[in-house]
PDB file of N, CA and C in Angstrom:
ATOM      1  N   MET A   1       0.731  -1.020   0.343  1.00  0.00           N
ATOM      2  CA  MET A   1       0.070   0.000   0.030  1.00  0.00           C
ATOM      3  C   MET A   1       0.178   1.250  -0.162  1.00  0.00           C
ATOM      4  N   GLY A   2       0.240   1.881  -1.455  1.00  0.00           N
ATOM      5  CA  GLY A   2       1.185   3.658  -1.024  1.00  0.00           C
ATOM      6  C   GLY A   2       1.318   4.492  -0.175  1.00  0.00           C
ATOM      7  N   ALA A   3       1.747   5.713   0.496  1.00  0.00           N
ATOM      8  CA  ALA A   3       2.295   6.117   1.160  1.00  0.00           C
ATOM      9  C   ALA A   3       1.024   6.919   0.646  1.00  0.00           C
ATOM     10  N   SER A   4      -0.095   7.173  -0.444  1.00  0.00           N
ATOM     11  CA  SER A   4      -1.059   7.927  -0.393  1.00  0.00           C
ATOM     12  C   SER A   4      -2.181   7.658  -0.102  1.00  0.00           C
ATOM     13  N   HIS A   5      -2.251   6.052   0.225  1.00  0.00           N
ATOM     14  CA  HIS A   5      -3.403   5.285   0.610  1.00  0.00           C
ATOM     15  C   HIS A   5      -3.534   5.422   2.702  1.00  0.00           C
ATOM     16  N   GLN A   6      -2.746   6.430   2.509  1.00  0.00           N
ATOM     17  CA  GLN A   6      -2.520   6.185   4.410  1.00  0.00           C
ATOM     18  C   GLN A   6      -2.917   8.097   4.800  1.00  0.00           C
ATOM     19  N   LEU A   7      -3.384   9.077   3.408  1.00  0.00           N
ATOM     20  CA  LEU A   7      -3.664  10.274   3.687  1.00  0.00           C
ATOM     21  C   LEU A   7      -4.888  10.748   3.673  1.00  0.00           C
ATOM     22  N   PRO A   8      -5.443  11.213   4.039  1.00  0.00           N
ATOM     23  CA  PRO A   8      -6.639  11.498   4.037  1.00  0.00           C
ATOM     24  C   PRO A   8      -7.249  11.828   2.863  1.00  0.00           C
ATOM     25  N   GLU A   9      -8.005  11.274   2.360  1.00  0.00           N
ATOM     26  CA  GLU A   9      -8.406  11.557   0.590  1.00  0.00           C
ATOM     27  C   GLU A   9      -8.005  12.912   0.696  1.00  0.00           C
ATOM     28  N   HIS A  10      -8.351  14.427   1.052  1.00  0.00           N
ATOM     29  CA  HIS A  10      -8.276  15.624   0.937  1.00  0.00           C
ATOM     30  C   HIS A  10      -6.963  16.071   0.945  1.00  0.00           C
ATOM     31  N   GLN A  11      -6.009  14.878   1.438  1.00  0.00           N
ATOM     32  CA  GLN A  11      -4.301  15.401   1.408  1.00  0.00           C
ATOM     33  C   GLN A  11      -3.986  14.606   0.034  1.00  0.00           C
ATOM     34  N   ARG A  12      -4.209  13.965  -0.251  1.00  0.00           N
ATOM     35  CA  ARG A  12      -3.607  12.666  -1.568  1.00  0.00           C
ATOM     36  C   ARG A  12      -3.997  14.127  -2.577  1.00  0.00           C
ATOM     37  N   ASP A  13      -2.676  13.650  -3.323  1.00  0.00           N
ATOM     38  CA  ASP A  13      -2.951  14.225  -5.119  1.00  0.00           C
ATOM     39  C   ASP A  13      -3.269  13.218  -6.341  1.00  0.00           C
ATOM     40  N   VAL A  14      -3.352  13.795  -7.339  1.00  0.00           N
ATOM     41  CA  VAL A  14      -3.825  12.855  -8.549  1.00  0.00           C
ATOM     42  C   VAL A  14      -3.093  12.504  -9.139  1.00  0.00           C
ATOM     43  N   ARG A  15      -1.816  11.984  -8.560  1.00  0.00           N
ATOM     44  CA  ARG A  15      -0.686  11.959  -9.462  1.00  0.00           C
ATOM     45  C   ARG A  15      -0.634  10.517  -9.935  1.00  0.00           C
ATOM     46  N   GLY A  16      -1.524   9.761  -9.625  1.00  0.00           N
ATOM     47  CA  GLY A  16      -2.003   8.132  -9.744  1.00  0.00           C
ATOM     48  C   GLY A  16      -2.424   8.395 -11.655  1.00  0.00           C
ATOM     49  N   THR A  17      -2.766   9.389 -11.702  1.00  0.00           N
ATOM     50  CA  THR A  17      -3.590   9.445 -13.098  1.00  0.00           C
ATOM     51  C   THR A  17      -2.219   9.185 -14.454  1.00  0.00           C
ATOM     52  N   ILE A  18      -2.824   8.559 -15.113  1.00  0.00           N
ATOM     53  CA  ILE A  18      -1.630   7.838 -16.371  1.00  0.00           C
ATOM     54  C   ILE A  18      -2.269   8.578 -17.567  1.00  0.00           C
ATOM     55  N   GLU A  19      -2.879   8.628 -18.043  1.00  0.00           N
ATOM     56  CA  GLU A  19      -3.749   8.928 -19.581  1.00  0.00           C
ATOM     57  C   GLU A  19      -3.979   9.967 -19.200  1.00  0.00           C
ATOM     58  N   MET A  20      -4.072  10.999 -19.734  1.00  0.00           N
ATOM     59  CA  MET A  20      -4.382  12.168 -20.416  1.00  0.00           C
ATOM     60  C   MET A  20      -4.799  12.850 -21.581  1.00  0.00           C
ATOM     61  N   ASP A  21      -5.410  13.394 -22.026  1.00  0.00           N
ATOM     62  CA  ASP A  21      -5.343  14.288 -23.078  1.00  0.00           C
ATOM     63  C   ASP A  21      -5.155  15.703 -22.765  1.00  0.00           C
ATOM     64  N   TYR A  22      -3.935  15.665 -22.864  1.00  0.00           N
ATOM     65  CA  TYR A  22      -3.465  16.778 -22.152  1.00  0.00           C
ATOM     66  C   TYR A  22      -4.275  18.396 -23.072  1.00  0.00           C
ATOM     67  N   ARG A  23      -4.270  17.837 -24.791  1.00  0.00           N
ATOM     68  CA  ARG A  23      -4.880  19.409 -25.037  1.00  0.00           C
ATOM     69  C   ARG A  23      -6.256  19.512 -25.190  1.00  0.00           C
ATOM     70  N   ALA A  24      -6.797  18.010 -24.393  1.00  0.00           N
ATOM     71  CA  ALA A  24      -8.226  19.083 -23.695  1.00  0.00           C
ATOM     72  C   ALA A  24      -7.446  19.485 -22.053  1.00  0.00           C
ATOM     73  N   VAL A  25      -7.330  18.918 -21.117  1.00  0.00           N
ATOM     74  CA  VAL A  25      -7.527  19.640 -20.033  1.00  0.00           C
ATOM     75  C   VAL A  25      -6.673  20.340 -20.130  1.00  0.00           C
ATOM     76  N   ALA A  26      -5.667  20.895 -21.146  1.00  0.00           N
ATOM     77  CA  ALA A  26      -5.586  22.264 -21.367  1.00  0.00           C
ATOM     78  C   ALA A  26      -6.585  23.497 -21.514  1.00  0.00           C
ATOM     79  N   LYS A  27      -7.444  22.807 -22.411  1.00  0.00           N
ATOM     80  CA  LYS A  27      -8.691  23.901 -23.174  1.00  0.00           C
ATOM     81  C   LYS A  27      -9.057  23.994 -21.400  1.00  0.00           C
ATOM     82  N   ASN A  28      -9.954  23.183 -21.234  1.00  0.00           N
ATOM     83  CA  ASN A  28     -10.747  23.463 -20.299  1.00  0.00           C
ATOM     84  C   ASN A  28     -10.215  24.247 -18.726  1.00  0.00           C
ATOM     85  N   LEU A  29      -8.520  23.798 -18.670  1.00  0.00           N
ATOM     86  CA  LEU A  29      -7.831  24.449 -17.863  1.00  0.00           C
ATOM     87  C   LEU A  29      -7.843  26.262 -18.021  1.00  0.00           C
ATOM     88  N   LEU A  30      -7.859  26.802 -19.049  1.00  0.00           N
ATOM     89  CA  LEU A  30      -7.881  28.580 -19.330  1.00  0.00           C
ATOM     90  C   LEU A  30      -9.428  28.801 -19.144  1.00  0.00           C
ATOM     91  N   ARG A  31     -10.360  28.225 -18.563  1.00  0.00           N
ATOM     92  CA  ARG A  31     -11.616  28.065 -17.985  1.00  0.00           C
ATOM     93  C   ARG A  31     -11.426  29.206 -16.350  1.00  0.00           C
ATOM     94  N   GLU A  32     -10.499  28.548 -16.081  1.00  0.00           N
ATOM     95  CA  GLU A  32      -9.893  28.841 -14.630  1.00  0.00           C
ATOM     96  C   GLU A  32      -9.389  30.181 -14.718  1.00  0.00           C
ATOM     97  N   GLN A  33      -9.362  30.276 -13.558  1.00  0.00           N
ATOM     98  CA  GLN A  33      -8.775  31.534 -12.996  1.00  0.00           C
ATOM     99  C   GLN A  33      -6.657  30.909 -13.057  1.00  0.00           C
ATOM    100  N   PRO A  34      -6.162  32.160 -12.723  1.00  0.00           N
ATOM    101  CA  PRO A  34      -4.843  32.251 -13.207  1.00  0.00           C
ATOM    102  C   PRO A  34      -3.825  30.839 -11.926  1.00  0.00           C
ATOM    103  N   GLN A  35      -4.622  31.636 -10.172  1.00  0.00           N
ATOM    104  CA  GLN A  35      -4.448  31.089  -9.529  1.00  0.00           C
ATOM    105  C   GLN A  35      -4.038  29.253  -9.250  1.00  0.00           C
ATOM    106  N   THR A  36      -5.469  30.052  -9.635  1.00  0.00           N
ATOM    107  CA  THR A  36      -5.932  27.646  -9.714  1.00  0.00           C
ATOM    108  C   THR A  36      -5.695  27.254 -10.538  1.00  0.00           C
ATOM    109  N   ILE A  37      -5.260  28.001 -12.119  1.00  0.00           N
ATOM    110  CA  ILE A  37      -4.589  26.802 -12.929  1.00  0.00           C
ATOM    111  C   ILE A  37      -2.955  26.563 -12.248  1.00  0.00           C
ATOM    112  N   ALA A  38      -2.352  27.114 -11.542  1.00  0.00           N
ATOM    113  CA  ALA A  38      -1.123  27.206 -11.361  1.00  0.00           C
ATOM    114  C   ALA A  38      -1.360  25.987 -10.349  1.00  0.00           C
ATOM    115  N   VAL A  39      -2.216  26.230  -9.114  1.00  0.00           N
ATOM    116  CA  VAL A  39      -2.389  24.544  -8.399  1.00  0.00           C
ATOM    117  C   VAL A  39      -2.605  23.954  -8.845  1.00  0.00           C
ATOM    118  N   VAL A  40      -3.584  23.793  -9.523  1.00  0.00           N
ATOM    119  CA  VAL A  40      -3.606  22.212 -10.780  1.00  0.00           C
ATOM    120  C   VAL A  40      -2.642  21.610 -10.991  1.00  0.00           C
ATOM    121  N   LEU A  41      -1.765  22.666 -11.227  1.00  0.00           N
ATOM    122  CA  LEU A  41      -0.670  22.446 -11.964  1.00  0.00           C
ATOM    123  C   LEU A  41       0.683  21.341 -11.116  1.00  0.00           C
ATOM    124  N   ALA A  42       0.504  22.263  -9.873  1.00  0.00           N
ATOM    125  CA  ALA A  42       0.862  21.905  -8.867  1.00  0.00           C
ATOM    126  C   ALA A  42       1.287  20.676  -7.919  1.00  0.00           C
ATOM    127  N   ARG A  43      -0.127  20.130  -8.370  1.00  0.00           N
ATOM    128  CA  ARG A  43      -0.695  18.742  -7.829  1.00  0.00           C
ATOM    129  C   ARG A  43      -0.449  17.382  -8.762  1.00  0.00           C
ATOM    130  N   LEU A  44      -0.162  18.341 -10.201  1.00  0.00           N
ATOM    131  CA  LEU A  44      -0.079  16.686 -11.342  1.00  0.00           C
ATOM    132  C   LEU A  44       1.439  16.795 -11.152  1.00  0.00           C
ATOM    133  N   GLN A  45       1.508  15.678 -11.764  1.00  0.00           N
ATOM    134  CA  GLN A  45       3.305  14.669 -11.674  1.00  0.00           C
ATOM    135  C   GLN A  45       3.552  16.366 -12.646  1.00  0.00           C
ATOM    136  N   LYS A  46       4.957  16.384 -12.769  1.00  0.00           N
ATOM    137  CA  LYS A  46       5.416  17.079 -13.124  1.00  0.00           C
ATOM    138  C   LYS A  46       5.621  16.928 -15.000  1.00  0.00           C
ATOM    139  N   GLU A  47       5.253  15.571 -14.912  1.00  0.00           N
ATOM    140  CA  GLU A  47       5.587  14.775 -16.673  1.00  0.00           C
ATOM    141  C   GLU A  47       3.932  15.675 -17.325  1.00  0.00           C
ATOM    142  N   HIS A  48       2.988  15.690 -16.235  1.00  0.00           N
ATOM    143  CA  HIS A  48       1.616  15.766 -16.933  1.00  0.00           C
ATOM    144  C   HIS A  48       1.654  17.396 -16.463  1.00  0.00           C
ATOM    145  N   SER A  49       2.356  17.853 -15.963  1.00  0.00           N
ATOM    146  CA  SER A  49       2.688  19.460 -15.799  1.00  0.00           C
ATOM    147  C   SER A  49       2.770  20.281 -16.670  1.00  0.00           C
ATOM    148  N   SER A  50       4.075  19.510 -17.547  1.00  0.00           N
ATOM    149  CA  SER A  50       4.672  20.068 -18.308  1.00  0.00           C
ATOM    150  C   SER A  50       4.203  19.992 -19.249  1.00  0.00           C
ATOM    151  N   GLU A  51       4.403  18.518 -19.873  1.00  0.00           N
ATOM    152  CA  GLU A  51       3.139  18.727 -21.507  1.00  0.00           C
ATOM    153  C   GLU A  51       1.956  19.637 -21.229  1.00  0.00           C
ATOM    154  N   ILE A  52       0.867  19.884 -20.419  1.00  0.00           N
ATOM    155  CA  ILE A  52      -0.244  20.876 -20.352  1.00  0.00           C
ATOM    156  C   ILE A  52       0.208  22.120 -20.735  1.00  0.00           C
ATOM    157  N   MET A  53       1.606  22.019 -19.829  1.00  0.00           N
ATOM    158  CA  MET A  53       1.866  24.271 -19.828  1.00  0.00           C
ATOM    159  C   MET A  53       2.024  24.033 -21.087  1.00  0.00           C
ATOM    160  N   LYS A  54       2.927  23.051 -21.601  1.00  0.00           N
ATOM    161  CA  LYS A  54       3.277  23.042 -23.587  1.00  0.00           C
ATOM    162  C   LYS A  54       1.824  24.157 -24.313  1.00  0.00           C
ATOM    163  N   MET A  55       0.443  23.267 -23.847  1.00  0.00           N
ATOM    164  CA  MET A  55      -0.280  23.537 -24.804  1.00  0.00           C
ATOM    165  C   MET A  55      -1.155  24.790 -24.520  1.00  0.00           C
ATOM    166  N   LEU A  56      -0.424  25.044 -23.720  1.00  0.00           N
ATOM    167  CA  LEU A  56      -1.315  26.708 -23.199  1.00  0.00           C
ATOM    168  C   LEU A  56      -0.086  28.214 -23.916  1.00  0.00           C
ATOM    169  N   PRO A  57      -1.230  28.986 -24.193  1.00  0.00           N
ATOM    170  CA  PRO A  57      -0.617  29.907 -25.027  1.00  0.00           C
ATOM    171  C   PRO A  57       0.842  30.704 -23.958  1.00  0.00           C
ATOM    172  N   ASP A  58       1.717  31.223 -24.765  1.00  0.00           N
ATOM    173  CA  ASP A  58       3.162  31.554 -24.097  1.00  0.00           C
ATOM    174  C   ASP A  58       2.567  32.759 -22.940  1.00  0.00           C
ATOM    175  N   PHE A  59       1.819  33.590 -23.436  1.00  0.00           N
ATOM    176  CA  PHE A  59       1.991  34.990 -21.657  1.00  0.00           C
ATOM    177  C   PHE A  59       0.809  34.426 -21.325  1.00  0.00           C
ATOM    178  N   VAL A  60       0.245  32.956 -21.392  1.00  0.00           N
ATOM    179  CA  VAL A  60      -0.342  32.727 -20.124  1.00  0.00           C
ATOM    180  C   VAL A  60       0.692  31.495 -19.547  1.00  0.00           C
ATOM    181  N   GLN A  61       1.663  31.163 -20.136  1.00  0.00           N
ATOM    182  CA  GLN A  61       2.835  29.952 -19.320  1.00  0.00           C
ATOM    183  C   GLN A  61       3.916  31.079 -18.898  1.00  0.00           C
ATOM    184  N   ALA A  62       4.178  32.145 -18.992  1.00  0.00           N
ATOM    185  CA  ALA A  62       4.693  33.712 -18.294  1.00  0.00           C
ATOM    186  C   ALA A  62       4.326  33.498 -17.085  1.00  0.00           C
ATOM    187  N   ASP A  63       3.300  33.554 -16.610  1.00  0.00           N
ATOM    188  CA  ASP A  63       2.342  33.879 -15.029  1.00  0.00           C
ATOM    189  C   ASP A  63       2.612  32.725 -14.702  1.00  0.00           C
ATOM    190  N   LEU A  64       1.861  31.340 -15.199  1.00  0.00           N
ATOM    191  CA  LEU A  64       1.690  30.127 -14.295  1.00  0.00           C
ATOM    192  C   LEU A  64       3.249  29.930 -14.274  1.00  0.00           C
ATOM    193  N   VAL A  65       4.614  30.421 -14.070  1.00  0.00           N
ATOM    194  CA  VAL A  65       5.345  30.003 -13.987  1.00  0.00           C
ATOM    195  C   VAL A  65       5.750  30.792 -12.919  1.00  0.00           C
ATOM    196  N   SER A  66       5.759  32.009 -12.827  1.00  0.00           N
ATOM    197  CA  SER A  66       5.251  32.915 -11.072  1.00  0.00           C
ATOM    198  C   SER A  66       4.661  32.475 -10.427  1.00  0.00           C
ATOM    199  N   ARG A  67       3.255  31.620 -10.945  1.00  0.00           N
ATOM    200  CA  ARG A  67       2.048  31.558  -9.331  1.00  0.00           C
ATOM    201  C   ARG A  67       2.790  29.848  -9.288  1.00  0.00           C
ATOM    202  N   ILE A  68       3.594  29.458  -9.732  1.00  0.00           N
ATOM    203  CA  ILE A  68       3.486  28.071  -9.568  1.00  0.00           C
ATOM    204  C   ILE A  68       4.902  28.057  -8.430  1.00  0.00           C
ATOM    205  N   VAL A  69       5.347  28.740  -8.452  1.00  0.00           N
ATOM    206  CA  VAL A  69       6.569  29.512  -7.697  1.00  0.00           C
ATOM    207  C   VAL A  69       6.241  29.615  -6.692  1.00  0.00           C
ATOM    208  N   HIS A  70       5.626  30.331  -6.743  1.00  0.00           N
ATOM    209  CA  HIS A  70       4.812  31.184  -4.998  1.00  0.00           C
ATOM    210  C   HIS A  70       3.652  30.455  -4.216  1.00  0.00           C
ATOM    211  N   VAL A  71       3.274  28.970  -4.947  1.00  0.00           N
ATOM    212  CA  VAL A  71       2.369  28.610  -3.983  1.00  0.00           C
ATOM    213  C   VAL A  71       3.044  27.846  -2.859  1.00  0.00           C
ATOM    214  N   ASP A  72       1.849  28.496  -1.967  1.00  0.00           N
ATOM    215  CA  ASP A  72       1.860  28.335  -0.868  1.00  0.00           C
ATOM    216  C   ASP A  72       1.442  26.957   0.206  1.00  0.00           C
ATOM    217  N   GLN A  73       1.790  26.565   1.085  1.00  0.00           N
ATOM    218  CA  GLN A  73       0.688  25.691   1.728  1.00  0.00           C
ATOM    219  C   GLN A  73      -0.339  26.129   1.625  1.00  0.00           C
ATOM    220  N   LEU A  74      -1.606  25.568   1.117  1.00  0.00           N
ATOM    221  CA  LEU A  74      -2.667  25.910   1.553  1.00  0.00           C
ATOM    222  C   LEU A  74      -3.791  25.193   2.407  1.00  0.00           C
ATOM    223  N   PRO A  75      -4.790  25.717   2.245  1.00  0.00           N
ATOM    224  CA  PRO A  75      -5.623  24.941   3.167  1.00  0.00           C
ATOM    225  C   PRO A  75      -6.384  23.729   2.508  1.00  0.00           C
ATOM    226  N   ASP A  76      -6.512  22.534   3.812  1.00  0.00           N
ATOM    227  CA  ASP A  76      -7.449  21.661   2.906  1.00  0.00           C
ATOM    228  C   ASP A  76      -8.477  21.867   2.413  1.00  0.00           C
ATOM    229  N   GLU A  77      -9.632  22.552   2.670  1.00  0.00           N
ATOM    230  CA  GLU A  77     -11.121  23.072   1.959  1.00  0.00           C
ATOM    231  C   GLU A  77     -10.197  23.099   0.712  1.00  0.00           C
ATOM    232  N   VAL A  78      -9.315  24.391   0.320  1.00  0.00           N
ATOM    233  CA  VAL A  78      -8.974  24.689  -1.220  1.00  0.00           C
ATOM    234  C   VAL A  78      -8.935  23.405  -2.078  1.00  0.00           C
ATOM    235  N   LEU A  79      -7.464  22.946  -1.453  1.00  0.00           N
ATOM    236  CA  LEU A  79      -6.803  21.223  -2.516  1.00  0.00           C
ATOM    237  C   LEU A  79      -7.744  20.443  -2.313  1.00  0.00           C
ATOM    238  N   GLU A  80      -8.466  20.466  -1.633  1.00  0.00           N
ATOM    239  CA  GLU A  80      -9.955  19.291  -1.933  1.00  0.00           C
ATOM    240  C   GLU A  80     -11.148  20.140  -3.351  1.00  0.00           C
ATOM    241  N   GLU A  81     -11.271  21.437  -3.171  1.00  0.00           N
ATOM    242  CA  GLU A  81     -11.579  21.300  -3.905  1.00  0.00           C
ATOM    243  C   GLU A  81     -10.323  21.899  -5.373  1.00  0.00           C
ATOM    244  N   ILE A  82      -9.629  21.639  -5.544  1.00  0.00           N
ATOM    245  CA  ILE A  82      -8.692  21.330  -6.951  1.00  0.00           C
ATOM    246  C   ILE A  82      -8.471  20.306  -7.059  1.00  0.00           C
ATOM    247  N   ASP A  83      -8.807  19.867  -6.162  1.00  0.00           N
ATOM    248  CA  ASP A  83      -8.345  18.038  -6.199  1.00  0.00           C
ATOM    249  C   ASP A  83      -9.739  17.671  -7.115  1.00  0.00           C
ATOM    250  N   ALA A  84     -10.808  17.964  -6.917  1.00  0.00           N
ATOM    251  CA  ALA A  84     -12.514  17.874  -7.707  1.00  0.00           C
ATOM    252  C   ALA A  84     -12.081  18.638  -8.812  1.00  0.00           C
ATOM    253  N   LEU A  85     -11.559  19.474  -8.489  1.00  0.00           N
ATOM    254  CA  LEU A  85     -11.410  20.286 -10.516  1.00  0.00           C
ATOM    255  C   LEU A  85     -10.618  18.991 -10.604  1.00  0.00           C
ATOM    256  N   ILE A  86      -9.291  18.738 -10.947  1.00  0.00           N
ATOM    257  CA  ILE A  86      -8.671  17.793 -11.213  1.00  0.00           C
ATOM    258  C   ILE A  86      -9.628  16.936 -12.371  1.00  0.00           C
ATOM    259  N   LYS A  87     -10.305  16.472 -10.826  1.00  0.00           N
ATOM    260  CA  LYS A  87     -10.274  15.035 -11.632  1.00  0.00           C
ATOM    261  C   LYS A  87     -11.799  15.270 -12.574  1.00  0.00           C
ATOM    262  N   SER A  88     -12.936  16.304 -12.530  1.00  0.00           N
ATOM    263  CA  SER A  88     -13.604  17.097 -13.621  1.00  0.00           C
ATOM    264  C   SER A  88     -12.799  16.825 -15.047  1.00  0.00           C
ATOM    265  N   LEU A  89     -12.107  17.752 -14.551  1.00  0.00           N
ATOM    266  CA  LEU A  89     -11.158  17.994 -15.850  1.00  0.00           C
ATOM    267  C   LEU A  89     -10.975  16.701 -16.571  1.00  0.00           C
ATOM    268  N   LEU A  90     -10.431  15.571 -15.812  1.00  0.00           N
ATOM    269  CA  LEU A  90      -9.865  14.664 -16.897  1.00  0.00           C
ATOM    270  C   LEU A  90     -11.038  13.853 -16.799  1.00  0.00           C
ATOM    271  N   ARG A  91     -12.027  13.323 -16.530  1.00  0.00           N
ATOM    272  CA  ARG A  91     -13.446  12.931 -16.996  1.00  0.00           C
ATOM    273  C   ARG A  91     -14.161  13.701 -18.125  1.00  0.00           C
ATOM    274  N   GLN A  92     -13.834  14.679 -18.585  1.00  0.00           N
ATOM    275  CA  GLN A  92     -14.174  15.213 -19.515  1.00  0.00           C
ATOM    276  C   GLN A  92     -13.088  15.193 -21.385  1.00  0.00           C
ATOM    277  N   ARG A  93     -12.210  14.186 -20.910  1.00  0.00           N
ATOM    278  CA  ARG A  93     -11.247  14.198 -21.994  1.00  0.00           C
ATOM    279  C   ARG A  93     -12.118  13.076 -22.827  1.00  0.00           C
TER     280      ARG A  93
END
């Protein structure tokens, strides 16, 4: 059993997702606020985040990089909402 199974669900990330339609996820993320996008990308595996970032417009990428760098510890409630958003985005693929 992995370490993520020992954490409460709201503290788990979505790093277990393997297949993603990066273009669809990027398109859906563009509907969100920049800070939300930054937190979503920070919660994914680096490989997924970088592929999604490539699909975003250059001006959005530049903004997100600075936001991701400044993502601090967030309240559990915020992480729960972000994880729900990620799961929703992945279901839309």
